[in-house]
Amino acid sequence: MALLKRAPDFHFGGALPHHNELAVDEENGTNKLYPNAADYAKRYRLRQAAAVKQIRQAFVERWPVVS
């Protein structure tokens, strides 16, 4: 653990979502951050759309289509 704490990018770890913020572990479909299943589903779709947009942009930047 001490080695990880000395890593140059260790401070970025707090910027990532944590399990309790993303996972749905409860039987009723909620988690600690989102109070109900509908709100979780809405936020999930937003996160998914953002991820797809970012991946598509990175793909185009790295491998542009040649006509």
Protein backbone atom coordinates (compact mmCIF):
# COMPACT_ATOMS: atom_id res chain seq x y z
CA MET A 1 0.00 0.00 0.00
CA ALA A 2 2.83 2.42 0.78
CA LEU A 3 4.19 1.88 -2.73
CA LEU A 4 0.81 2.76 -4.24
CA LYS A 5 0.59 5.94 -2.18
CA ARG A 6 3.95 7.07 -3.55
CA ALA A 7 2.91 6.57 -7.17
CA PRO A 8 2.82 9.86 -9.13
CA ASP A 9 -0.84 9.40 -10.10
CA PHE A 10 -2.10 8.24 -6.71
CA HIS A 11 -3.98 11.50 -6.08
CA PHE A 12 -6.21 10.84 -9.11
CA GLY A 13 -7.74 7.79 -7.42
CA GLY A 14 -10.17 9.97 -5.49
CA ALA A 15 -11.53 11.34 -8.75
CA LEU A 16 -12.86 7.97 -9.85
CA PRO A 17 -16.35 6.81 -8.91
CA HIS A 18 -16.44 4.43 -5.98
CA HIS A 19 -18.32 1.15 -5.80
CA ASN A 20 -21.03 2.58 -3.55
CA GLU A 21 -21.68 5.37 -6.04
CA LEU A 22 -22.19 3.07 -9.02
CA ALA A 23 -23.18 -0.39 -7.89
CA VAL A 24 -26.72 -1.52 -7.27
CA ASP A 25 -26.39 -4.04 -4.49
CA GLU A 26 -29.77 -3.65 -2.86
CA GLU A 27 -32.71 -5.88 -3.70
CA ASN A 28 -34.92 -2.86 -4.44
CA GLY A 29 -32.54 -1.58 -7.14
CA THR A 30 -31.16 1.40 -5.25
CA ASN A 31 -27.79 2.27 -3.91
CA LYS A 32 -26.34 4.78 -1.44
CA LEU A 33 -26.01 7.64 -3.93
CA TYR A 34 -29.26 7.32 -5.87
CA PRO A 35 -32.45 7.03 -3.82
CA ASN A 36 -34.53 5.08 -6.34
CA ALA A 37 -34.18 2.83 -9.34
CA ALA A 38 -35.51 5.39 -11.81
CA ASP A 39 -32.94 8.00 -10.79
CA TYR A 40 -30.16 5.41 -10.95
CA ALA A 41 -31.28 4.31 -14.43
CA LYS A 42 -31.35 7.91 -15.67
CA ARG A 43 -27.86 8.63 -14.35
CA TYR A 44 -26.59 5.31 -15.73
CA ARG A 45 -27.79 6.25 -19.22
CA LEU A 46 -26.04 9.63 -18.92
CA ARG A 47 -22.77 7.98 -17.82
CA GLN A 48 -23.03 5.42 -20.61
CA ALA A 49 -23.66 8.09 -23.27
CA ALA A 50 -20.70 10.13 -22.02
CA ALA A 51 -18.44 7.07 -22.12
CA VAL A 52 -19.53 6.13 -25.65
CA LYS A 53 -18.98 9.72 -26.85
CA GLN A 54 -15.50 9.81 -25.32
CA ILE A 55 -14.50 6.45 -26.80
CA ARG A 56 -15.78 7.40 -30.26
CA GLN A 57 -13.90 10.69 -30.14
CA ALA A 58 -10.67 8.98 -29.09
CA PHE A 59 -11.08 6.37 -31.83
CA VAL A 60 -11.56 9.01 -34.55
CA GLU A 61 -8.60 11.03 -33.28
CA ARG A 62 -6.31 8.02 -33.30
CA TRP A 63 -7.55 6.24 -36.43
CA PRO A 64 -9.11 8.78 -38.81
CA VAL A 65 -11.07 7.41 -41.72
CA VAL A 66 -9.11 7.79 -44.94
CA SER A 67 -11.20 8.30 -48.06
